[in-house]
Amino acid sequence: MALVVRRELQVPIAATGADQERLSSYLALVDRPLSALLARERLIQEGPGLFHYRSRPFRVLQLEFVPSLSLAASWRDGQLAIESRGCQITGLGPWGRYLGFRLRAGLMAADRELRGWTDVGLNTGLVDHGAARQLAQVALEAVLDRIEARLGRGLRRDVVSWLASGTESSGKGGLN
């Protein structure tokens, strides 16, 4: 059975030039927004739109675990689409190999804001029962809290910086 948690996202962008067209141009750079979302020191670009990311440890109750994700990002149908392609979770002992973590997200431009959604989930029979399901729910909410914080800090700061620089490049942005 799967447990999936979804959160709608909204990031106001209070900057000159933060119209839908320019914000779409920023998101279409794909690599740049993704690198602004994630800690650059733990992000390895493996190809255009392909990344490997090792998260900092999560603590839920007495457990600490560290996810490592393979991510694919692309610009399609007017949105930045991000999807996990694989995940390893260390710190959960032998149970870690039975957890199938997934992430899917979409981010679109609007006037003076970015809007989107994120789904995070676990595909495993280990979360079918009461306490385990509650623990998994708490862990997934913590993942969403981190994503939302990254949107509000790193991504917003990078968008504002990009808008201020007047960059209009339509090419792919890379990691700096």
N, C-alpha and C. Protein backbone atom coordinates (compact mmCIF):
# COMPACT_ATOMS: atom_id res chain seq x y z
N MET A 1 0.84 -1.19 0.00
CA MET A 1 0.00 0.00 0.00
C MET A 1 0.88 1.24 0.00
N ALA A 2 0.37 2.32 -0.53
CA ALA A 2 1.12 3.57 -0.62
C ALA A 2 0.51 4.61 0.31
N LEU A 3 1.37 5.42 0.85
CA LEU A 3 0.96 6.59 1.62
C LEU A 3 1.52 7.80 0.88
N VAL A 4 0.64 8.69 0.44
CA VAL A 4 1.05 9.88 -0.31
C VAL A 4 0.50 11.11 0.40
N VAL A 5 1.36 12.11 0.54
CA VAL A 5 0.97 13.38 1.13
C VAL A 5 1.23 14.46 0.10
N ARG A 6 0.25 15.34 -0.11
CA ARG A 6 0.35 16.42 -1.09
C ARG A 6 0.28 17.75 -0.38
N ARG A 7 1.03 18.71 -0.89
CA ARG A 7 0.94 20.07 -0.39
C ARG A 7 0.94 21.03 -1.57
N GLU A 8 0.00 21.96 -1.55
CA GLU A 8 -0.03 23.04 -2.53
C GLU A 8 0.99 24.08 -2.10
N LEU A 9 1.66 24.68 -3.06
CA LEU A 9 2.75 25.61 -2.78
C LEU A 9 2.46 26.97 -3.42
N GLN A 10 2.88 28.01 -2.73
CA GLN A 10 2.75 29.37 -3.26
C GLN A 10 3.94 30.17 -2.74
N VAL A 11 4.67 30.79 -3.67
CA VAL A 11 5.85 31.58 -3.33
C VAL A 11 5.69 32.97 -3.91
N PRO A 12 5.32 33.96 -3.09
CA PRO A 12 5.22 35.33 -3.59
C PRO A 12 6.62 35.84 -3.97
N ILE A 13 6.70 36.57 -5.09
CA ILE A 13 7.96 37.15 -5.55
C ILE A 13 7.76 38.65 -5.63
N ALA A 14 8.26 39.36 -4.61
CA ALA A 14 8.12 40.81 -4.55
C ALA A 14 9.38 41.43 -5.16
N ALA A 15 9.41 41.50 -6.47
CA ALA A 15 10.56 42.06 -7.17
C ALA A 15 10.09 42.70 -8.47
N THR A 16 10.81 43.71 -8.91
CA THR A 16 10.53 44.35 -10.18
C THR A 16 10.68 43.33 -11.30
N GLY A 17 9.72 43.29 -12.20
CA GLY A 17 9.78 42.39 -13.34
C GLY A 17 9.29 40.99 -13.06
N ALA A 18 8.63 40.77 -11.92
CA ALA A 18 8.17 39.43 -11.56
C ALA A 18 6.83 39.11 -12.22
N ASP A 19 6.79 39.28 -13.56
CA ASP A 19 5.56 38.94 -14.26
C ASP A 19 5.61 37.48 -14.70
N GLN A 20 4.51 36.97 -15.15
CA GLN A 20 4.40 35.56 -15.49
C GLN A 20 5.41 35.15 -16.57
N GLU A 21 5.60 35.99 -17.57
CA GLU A 21 6.52 35.65 -18.66
C GLU A 21 7.96 35.50 -18.17
N ARG A 22 8.43 36.46 -17.38
CA ARG A 22 9.82 36.38 -16.89
C ARG A 22 10.00 35.25 -15.89
N LEU A 23 9.00 35.03 -15.04
CA LEU A 23 9.11 33.93 -14.09
C LEU A 23 9.10 32.58 -14.81
N SER A 24 8.33 32.48 -15.89
CA SER A 24 8.35 31.26 -16.71
C SER A 24 9.72 31.06 -17.34
N SER A 25 10.33 32.15 -17.81
CA SER A 25 11.68 32.05 -18.39
C SER A 25 12.67 31.51 -17.37
N TYR A 26 12.54 31.95 -16.13
CA TYR A 26 13.42 31.46 -15.07
C TYR A 26 13.20 29.96 -14.84
N LEU A 27 11.96 29.55 -14.69
CA LEU A 27 11.68 28.14 -14.43
C LEU A 27 12.13 27.25 -15.59
N ALA A 28 12.05 27.77 -16.82
CA ALA A 28 12.44 27.01 -18.00
C ALA A 28 13.94 26.72 -18.03
N LEU A 29 14.73 27.42 -17.22
CA LEU A 29 16.16 27.14 -17.14
C LEU A 29 16.43 25.79 -16.47
N VAL A 30 15.47 25.20 -15.83
CA VAL A 30 15.45 23.88 -15.20
C VAL A 30 16.57 23.66 -14.20
N ASP A 31 17.81 23.63 -14.64
CA ASP A 31 18.93 23.33 -13.74
C ASP A 31 19.11 24.43 -12.68
N ARG A 32 18.92 25.66 -13.07
CA ARG A 32 19.11 26.76 -12.13
C ARG A 32 18.09 26.72 -10.99
N PRO A 33 16.79 26.64 -11.26
CA PRO A 33 15.84 26.59 -10.14
C PRO A 33 16.04 25.35 -9.26
N LEU A 34 16.39 24.22 -9.87
CA LEU A 34 16.58 23.03 -9.05
C LEU A 34 17.79 23.18 -8.14
N SER A 35 18.86 23.77 -8.66
CA SER A 35 20.03 23.97 -7.81
C SER A 35 19.78 25.04 -6.74
N ALA A 36 18.85 25.95 -6.99
CA ALA A 36 18.49 26.94 -5.97
C ALA A 36 17.62 26.32 -4.88
N LEU A 37 16.88 25.30 -5.23
CA LEU A 37 16.02 24.61 -4.27
C LEU A 37 16.79 23.72 -3.31
N LEU A 38 17.85 23.11 -3.79
CA LEU A 38 18.58 22.11 -3.01
C LEU A 38 19.93 22.63 -2.56
N ALA A 39 20.45 22.07 -1.50
CA ALA A 39 21.77 22.47 -1.00
C ALA A 39 22.83 22.09 -2.04
N ARG A 40 23.47 23.07 -2.60
CA ARG A 40 24.41 22.84 -3.71
C ARG A 40 25.57 21.93 -3.33
N GLU A 41 25.97 21.97 -2.05
CA GLU A 41 27.10 21.13 -1.63
C GLU A 41 26.72 19.64 -1.58
N ARG A 42 25.43 19.33 -1.62
CA ARG A 42 25.00 17.93 -1.60
C ARG A 42 24.33 17.53 -2.92
N LEU A 43 24.44 18.37 -3.93
CA LEU A 43 23.80 18.14 -5.22
C LEU A 43 24.86 17.90 -6.28
N ILE A 44 24.70 16.82 -7.02
CA ILE A 44 25.61 16.49 -8.12
C ILE A 44 24.78 16.44 -9.39
N GLN A 45 25.16 17.25 -10.37
CA GLN A 45 24.47 17.22 -11.65
C GLN A 45 25.07 16.09 -12.48
N GLU A 46 24.21 15.19 -12.94
CA GLU A 46 24.65 14.02 -13.69
C GLU A 46 24.41 14.17 -15.19
N GLY A 47 23.73 15.23 -15.58
CA GLY A 47 23.41 15.48 -16.98
C GLY A 47 22.36 16.56 -17.02
N PRO A 48 21.97 17.01 -18.21
CA PRO A 48 20.92 18.03 -18.29
C PRO A 48 19.63 17.54 -17.63
N GLY A 49 19.22 18.23 -16.59
CA GLY A 49 17.99 17.89 -15.89
C GLY A 49 18.07 16.66 -15.01
N LEU A 50 19.25 16.08 -14.84
CA LEU A 50 19.43 14.87 -14.02
C LEU A 50 20.37 15.17 -12.86
N PHE A 51 19.95 14.79 -11.66
CA PHE A 51 20.69 15.12 -10.46
C PHE A 51 20.71 13.96 -9.48
N HIS A 52 21.72 13.97 -8.63
CA HIS A 52 21.77 13.09 -7.46
C HIS A 52 21.88 14.00 -6.25
N TYR A 53 21.04 13.77 -5.26
CA TYR A 53 21.00 14.63 -4.07
C TYR A 53 21.01 13.78 -2.82
N ARG A 54 21.93 14.12 -1.92
CA ARG A 54 21.99 13.46 -0.61
C ARG A 54 21.51 14.48 0.42
N SER A 55 20.37 14.21 1.00
CA SER A 55 19.76 15.10 1.98
C SER A 55 20.55 15.11 3.29
N ARG A 56 20.37 16.16 4.04
CA ARG A 56 20.90 16.11 5.41
C ARG A 56 19.97 15.20 6.20
N PRO A 57 20.42 14.70 7.33
CA PRO A 57 19.61 13.74 8.09
C PRO A 57 18.27 14.32 8.55
N PHE A 58 17.26 13.47 8.53
CA PHE A 58 15.95 13.78 9.09
C PHE A 58 15.85 13.08 10.45
N ARG A 59 15.28 13.75 11.41
CA ARG A 59 15.02 13.12 12.71
C ARG A 59 13.51 13.11 12.91
N VAL A 60 12.98 11.93 13.11
CA VAL A 60 11.58 11.74 13.42
C VAL A 60 11.52 10.86 14.66
N LEU A 61 11.00 11.44 15.74
CA LEU A 61 11.01 10.78 17.04
C LEU A 61 12.44 10.39 17.38
N GLN A 62 12.72 9.11 17.60
CA GLN A 62 14.07 8.67 17.94
C GLN A 62 14.87 8.17 16.74
N LEU A 63 14.29 8.26 15.57
CA LEU A 63 14.94 7.75 14.37
C LEU A 63 15.60 8.88 13.58
N GLU A 64 16.75 8.57 13.00
CA GLU A 64 17.41 9.52 12.10
C GLU A 64 17.71 8.78 10.81
N PHE A 65 17.31 9.37 9.70
CA PHE A 65 17.57 8.72 8.42
C PHE A 65 18.02 9.75 7.40
N VAL A 66 18.74 9.25 6.37
CA VAL A 66 19.30 10.11 5.33
C VAL A 66 18.89 9.58 3.96
N PRO A 67 18.01 10.31 3.27
CA PRO A 67 17.65 9.90 1.91
C PRO A 67 18.66 10.42 0.88
N SER A 68 18.90 9.60 -0.12
CA SER A 68 19.67 9.99 -1.31
C SER A 68 18.75 9.76 -2.51
N LEU A 69 18.57 10.81 -3.30
CA LEU A 69 17.61 10.76 -4.40
C LEU A 69 18.27 10.96 -5.75
N SER A 70 17.79 10.24 -6.74
CA SER A 70 18.07 10.57 -8.14
C SER A 70 16.84 11.32 -8.63
N LEU A 71 17.06 12.50 -9.21
CA LEU A 71 15.96 13.37 -9.63
C LEU A 71 16.07 13.69 -11.11
N ALA A 72 14.92 13.81 -11.74
CA ALA A 72 14.83 14.28 -13.12
C ALA A 72 13.95 15.53 -13.12
N ALA A 73 14.41 16.56 -13.80
CA ALA A 73 13.64 17.81 -13.89
C ALA A 73 13.54 18.21 -15.36
N SER A 74 12.37 18.75 -15.73
CA SER A 74 12.18 19.18 -17.11
C SER A 74 11.17 20.31 -17.15
N TRP A 75 11.22 21.06 -18.25
CA TRP A 75 10.25 22.12 -18.51
C TRP A 75 9.28 21.58 -19.55
N ARG A 76 8.02 21.42 -19.17
CA ARG A 76 7.03 20.92 -20.13
C ARG A 76 5.65 21.44 -19.75
N ASP A 77 4.90 21.75 -20.77
CA ASP A 77 3.52 22.24 -20.59
C ASP A 77 3.44 23.41 -19.63
N GLY A 78 4.42 24.33 -19.69
CA GLY A 78 4.38 25.53 -18.88
C GLY A 78 4.69 25.34 -17.41
N GLN A 79 5.34 24.22 -17.07
CA GLN A 79 5.71 24.03 -15.68
C GLN A 79 7.04 23.32 -15.55
N LEU A 80 7.73 23.60 -14.45
CA LEU A 80 8.92 22.88 -14.08
C LEU A 80 8.45 21.61 -13.39
N ALA A 81 8.74 20.46 -13.98
CA ALA A 81 8.32 19.17 -13.43
C ALA A 81 9.54 18.48 -12.82
N ILE A 82 9.40 18.00 -11.59
CA ILE A 82 10.47 17.31 -10.89
C ILE A 82 9.94 15.97 -10.42
N GLU A 83 10.74 14.92 -10.63
CA GLU A 83 10.31 13.59 -10.24
C GLU A 83 11.51 12.78 -9.76
N SER A 84 11.32 12.05 -8.68
CA SER A 84 12.39 11.16 -8.22
C SER A 84 12.42 9.93 -9.12
N ARG A 85 13.62 9.46 -9.40
CA ARG A 85 13.81 8.28 -10.24
C ARG A 85 14.32 7.10 -9.42
N GLY A 86 14.75 7.38 -8.21
CA GLY A 86 15.25 6.34 -7.33
C GLY A 86 15.61 6.96 -5.99
N CYS A 87 15.58 6.15 -4.95
CA CYS A 87 15.87 6.66 -3.62
C CYS A 87 16.45 5.54 -2.77
N GLN A 88 17.48 5.90 -1.99
CA GLN A 88 18.01 5.01 -0.97
C GLN A 88 17.88 5.75 0.35
N ILE A 89 17.47 5.02 1.38
CA ILE A 89 17.33 5.63 2.70
C ILE A 89 18.22 4.86 3.67
N THR A 90 19.21 5.56 4.23
CA THR A 90 20.08 4.94 5.22
C THR A 90 19.63 5.38 6.61
N GLY A 91 19.95 4.55 7.59
CA GLY A 91 19.63 4.87 8.97
C GLY A 91 18.42 4.14 9.50
N LEU A 92 17.76 3.36 8.67
CA LEU A 92 16.59 2.61 9.12
C LEU A 92 16.87 1.12 9.23
N GLY A 93 18.15 0.76 9.18
CA GLY A 93 18.50 -0.64 9.26
C GLY A 93 17.92 -1.43 8.10
N PRO A 94 17.58 -2.69 8.34
CA PRO A 94 17.06 -3.53 7.25
C PRO A 94 15.72 -3.06 6.70
N TRP A 95 14.97 -2.27 7.46
CA TRP A 95 13.68 -1.77 6.98
C TRP A 95 13.85 -0.80 5.82
N GLY A 96 14.99 -0.13 5.74
CA GLY A 96 15.23 0.85 4.69
C GLY A 96 15.08 0.30 3.30
N ARG A 97 15.42 -0.97 3.10
CA ARG A 97 15.32 -1.54 1.75
C ARG A 97 13.87 -1.86 1.35
N TYR A 98 12.95 -1.79 2.30
CA TYR A 98 11.55 -2.08 2.00
C TYR A 98 10.73 -0.81 1.75
N LEU A 99 11.37 0.34 1.90
CA LEU A 99 10.66 1.59 1.68
C LEU A 99 10.90 2.09 0.28
N GLY A 100 9.86 2.40 -0.42
CA GLY A 100 9.96 2.99 -1.75
C GLY A 100 9.50 4.43 -1.67
N PHE A 101 10.43 5.37 -1.56
CA PHE A 101 10.09 6.79 -1.47
C PHE A 101 9.96 7.35 -2.86
N ARG A 102 9.01 8.27 -3.03
CA ARG A 102 8.88 8.96 -4.32
C ARG A 102 8.52 10.42 -4.07
N LEU A 103 8.91 11.23 -5.02
CA LEU A 103 8.61 12.66 -5.00
C LEU A 103 8.20 13.06 -6.40
N ARG A 104 7.14 13.84 -6.49
CA ARG A 104 6.71 14.45 -7.74
C ARG A 104 6.31 15.87 -7.41
N ALA A 105 6.70 16.81 -8.27
CA ALA A 105 6.36 18.21 -8.02
C ALA A 105 6.21 18.95 -9.32
N GLY A 106 5.44 20.02 -9.27
CA GLY A 106 5.27 20.91 -10.41
C GLY A 106 5.27 22.34 -9.91
N LEU A 107 5.93 23.21 -10.65
CA LEU A 107 6.02 24.62 -10.28
C LEU A 107 5.74 25.45 -11.53
N MET A 108 4.77 26.39 -11.42
CA MET A 108 4.35 27.22 -12.54
C MET A 108 4.46 28.69 -12.17
N ALA A 109 4.58 29.53 -13.17
CA ALA A 109 4.67 30.96 -12.96
C ALA A 109 3.29 31.60 -13.03
N ALA A 110 3.12 32.63 -12.22
CA ALA A 110 1.95 33.50 -12.26
C ALA A 110 2.50 34.91 -12.07
N ASP A 111 1.66 35.91 -12.16
CA ASP A 111 2.14 37.27 -11.90
C ASP A 111 2.53 37.40 -10.44
N ARG A 112 3.79 37.77 -10.20
CA ARG A 112 4.35 38.06 -8.88
C ARG A 112 4.37 36.87 -7.92
N GLU A 113 4.28 35.64 -8.49
CA GLU A 113 4.40 34.47 -7.62
C GLU A 113 4.64 33.21 -8.44
N LEU A 114 5.13 32.21 -7.73
CA LEU A 114 5.24 30.87 -8.27
C LEU A 114 4.23 30.02 -7.53
N ARG A 115 3.56 29.13 -8.25
CA ARG A 115 2.57 28.24 -7.65
C ARG A 115 2.88 26.81 -8.05
N GLY A 116 2.52 25.92 -7.19
CA GLY A 116 2.76 24.53 -7.55
C GLY A 116 2.23 23.57 -6.51
N TRP A 117 2.78 22.38 -6.56
CA TRP A 117 2.36 21.29 -5.68
C TRP A 117 3.52 20.33 -5.53
N THR A 118 3.48 19.57 -4.47
CA THR A 118 4.45 18.50 -4.26
C THR A 118 3.72 17.30 -3.66
N ASP A 119 3.98 16.14 -4.22
CA ASP A 119 3.52 14.87 -3.66
C ASP A 119 4.75 14.12 -3.18
N VAL A 120 4.73 13.65 -1.95
CA VAL A 120 5.76 12.74 -1.46
C VAL A 120 5.05 11.50 -0.95
N GLY A 121 5.69 10.37 -1.14
CA GLY A 121 5.01 9.14 -0.75
C GLY A 121 5.95 8.01 -0.42
N LEU A 122 5.40 7.04 0.26
CA LEU A 122 6.10 5.80 0.57
C LEU A 122 5.26 4.65 0.02
N ASN A 123 5.90 3.78 -0.74
CA ASN A 123 5.24 2.60 -1.29
C ASN A 123 5.76 1.39 -0.54
N THR A 124 5.02 0.95 0.45
CA THR A 124 5.44 -0.19 1.24
C THR A 124 4.28 -0.69 2.09
N GLY A 125 4.30 -1.96 2.36
CA GLY A 125 3.32 -2.53 3.28
C GLY A 125 3.64 -2.23 4.72
N LEU A 126 4.83 -1.69 4.97
CA LEU A 126 5.23 -1.39 6.36
C LEU A 126 4.41 -0.29 6.99
N VAL A 127 3.71 0.51 6.18
CA VAL A 127 2.94 1.64 6.73
C VAL A 127 1.44 1.35 6.74
N ASP A 128 1.08 0.09 6.66
CA ASP A 128 -0.34 -0.27 6.64
C ASP A 128 -1.00 -0.17 8.01
N HIS A 129 -0.24 -0.15 9.06
CA HIS A 129 -0.81 -0.27 10.39
C HIS A 129 -0.55 0.98 11.24
N GLY A 130 -1.49 1.31 12.11
CA GLY A 130 -1.55 2.44 13.02
C GLY A 130 -0.29 3.23 13.28
N ALA A 131 0.55 2.77 14.20
CA ALA A 131 1.71 3.55 14.65
C ALA A 131 2.71 3.77 13.51
N ALA A 132 2.92 2.75 12.68
CA ALA A 132 3.85 2.89 11.55
C ALA A 132 3.33 3.91 10.55
N ARG A 133 2.04 3.89 10.32
CA ARG A 133 1.43 4.84 9.38
C ARG A 133 1.54 6.28 9.92
N GLN A 134 1.31 6.44 11.21
CA GLN A 134 1.43 7.76 11.83
C GLN A 134 2.86 8.26 11.76
N LEU A 135 3.84 7.39 12.03
CA LEU A 135 5.25 7.77 11.94
C LEU A 135 5.61 8.16 10.51
N ALA A 136 5.13 7.39 9.53
CA ALA A 136 5.39 7.70 8.13
C ALA A 136 4.76 9.03 7.74
N GLN A 137 3.56 9.30 8.22
CA GLN A 137 2.88 10.58 7.95
C GLN A 137 3.70 11.75 8.49
N VAL A 138 4.20 11.61 9.73
CA VAL A 138 5.02 12.66 10.34
C VAL A 138 6.29 12.87 9.52
N ALA A 139 6.92 11.78 9.09
CA ALA A 139 8.15 11.89 8.29
C ALA A 139 7.89 12.60 6.96
N LEU A 140 6.80 12.25 6.28
CA LEU A 140 6.48 12.88 4.99
C LEU A 140 6.13 14.36 5.17
N GLU A 141 5.45 14.70 6.24
CA GLU A 141 5.16 16.12 6.52
C GLU A 141 6.46 16.88 6.76
N ALA A 142 7.44 16.25 7.43
CA ALA A 142 8.75 16.89 7.65
C ALA A 142 9.46 17.14 6.32
N VAL A 143 9.35 16.20 5.38
CA VAL A 143 9.93 16.38 4.04
C VAL A 143 9.27 17.58 3.36
N LEU A 144 7.95 17.66 3.43
CA LEU A 144 7.24 18.78 2.81
C LEU A 144 7.58 20.11 3.48
N ASP A 145 7.78 20.11 4.78
CA ASP A 145 8.19 21.33 5.48
C ASP A 145 9.54 21.82 4.95
N ARG A 146 10.47 20.89 4.73
CA ARG A 146 11.79 21.26 4.19
C ARG A 146 11.67 21.83 2.79
N ILE A 147 10.87 21.19 1.96
CA ILE A 147 10.68 21.66 0.58
C ILE A 147 10.09 23.07 0.59
N GLU A 148 9.08 23.27 1.42
CA GLU A 148 8.45 24.58 1.49
C GLU A 148 9.43 25.65 1.99
N ALA A 149 10.26 25.30 2.96
CA ALA A 149 11.27 26.25 3.46
C ALA A 149 12.29 26.59 2.37
N ARG A 150 12.70 25.59 1.58
CA ARG A 150 13.65 25.84 0.48
C ARG A 150 13.05 26.76 -0.58
N LEU A 151 11.78 26.58 -0.86
CA LEU A 151 11.10 27.47 -1.81
C LEU A 151 11.12 28.90 -1.31
N GLY A 152 10.83 29.08 -0.04
CA GLY A 152 10.75 30.41 0.55
C GLY A 152 12.10 31.09 0.74
N ARG A 153 13.17 30.31 0.82
CA ARG A 153 14.50 30.89 1.01
C ARG A 153 15.30 30.85 -0.28
N GLY A 154 15.89 29.72 -0.57
CA GLY A 154 16.82 29.59 -1.69
C GLY A 154 16.25 29.93 -3.05
N LEU A 155 15.09 29.37 -3.36
CA LEU A 155 14.51 29.62 -4.68
C LEU A 155 14.08 31.07 -4.81
N ARG A 156 13.39 31.59 -3.81
CA ARG A 156 12.94 32.99 -3.89
C ARG A 156 14.14 33.93 -4.04
N ARG A 157 15.18 33.71 -3.26
CA ARG A 157 16.38 34.56 -3.32
C ARG A 157 17.01 34.49 -4.72
N ASP A 158 17.08 33.29 -5.30
CA ASP A 158 17.69 33.14 -6.62
C ASP A 158 16.83 33.79 -7.71
N VAL A 159 15.51 33.66 -7.62
CA VAL A 159 14.62 34.29 -8.60
C VAL A 159 14.81 35.80 -8.56
N VAL A 160 14.81 36.38 -7.36
CA VAL A 160 14.95 37.83 -7.21
C VAL A 160 16.31 38.28 -7.78
N SER A 161 17.36 37.52 -7.49
CA SER A 161 18.70 37.84 -8.02
C SER A 161 18.71 37.77 -9.54
N TRP A 162 18.10 36.73 -10.11
CA TRP A 162 18.05 36.56 -11.56
C TRP A 162 17.27 37.70 -12.21
N LEU A 163 16.14 38.07 -11.61
CA LEU A 163 15.35 39.18 -12.15
C LEU A 163 16.14 40.49 -12.10
N ALA A 164 16.84 40.73 -11.00
CA ALA A 164 17.62 41.96 -10.85
C ALA A 164 18.77 42.03 -11.84
N SER A 165 19.32 40.87 -12.24
CA SER A 165 20.45 40.86 -13.17
C SER A 165 20.00 41.14 -14.61
N GLY A 166 18.67 41.07 -14.85
CA GLY A 166 18.16 41.31 -16.19
C GLY A 166 18.44 40.17 -17.15
N THR A 167 18.80 39.00 -16.62
CA THR A 167 19.12 37.84 -17.45
C THR A 167 17.89 37.42 -18.23
N GLU A 168 18.05 37.29 -19.52
CA GLU A 168 16.97 36.84 -20.40
C GLU A 168 17.37 35.62 -21.20
N SER A 169 18.43 34.96 -20.77
CA SER A 169 18.92 33.81 -21.52
C SER A 169 17.88 32.72 -21.59
N SER A 170 17.71 32.14 -22.75
CA SER A 170 16.77 31.03 -22.88
C SER A 170 17.50 29.70 -22.81
N GLY A 171 18.83 29.74 -22.64
CA GLY A 171 19.59 28.49 -22.53
C GLY A 171 19.44 27.88 -21.17
N LYS A 172 19.94 26.68 -21.04
CA LYS A 172 19.87 25.96 -19.78
C LYS A 172 20.87 26.57 -18.80
N GLY A 173 20.41 26.77 -17.58
CA GLY A 173 21.30 27.23 -16.52
C GLY A 173 22.02 26.04 -15.93
N GLY A 174 23.24 26.21 -15.51
CA GLY A 174 23.98 25.13 -14.89
C GLY A 174 24.29 25.46 -13.46
N LEU A 175 24.88 24.53 -12.77
CA LEU A 175 25.31 24.77 -11.40
C LEU A 175 26.52 25.67 -11.43
N ASN A 176 26.56 26.60 -10.50
CA ASN A 176 27.70 27.52 -10.43
C ASN A 176 28.82 26.94 -9.63
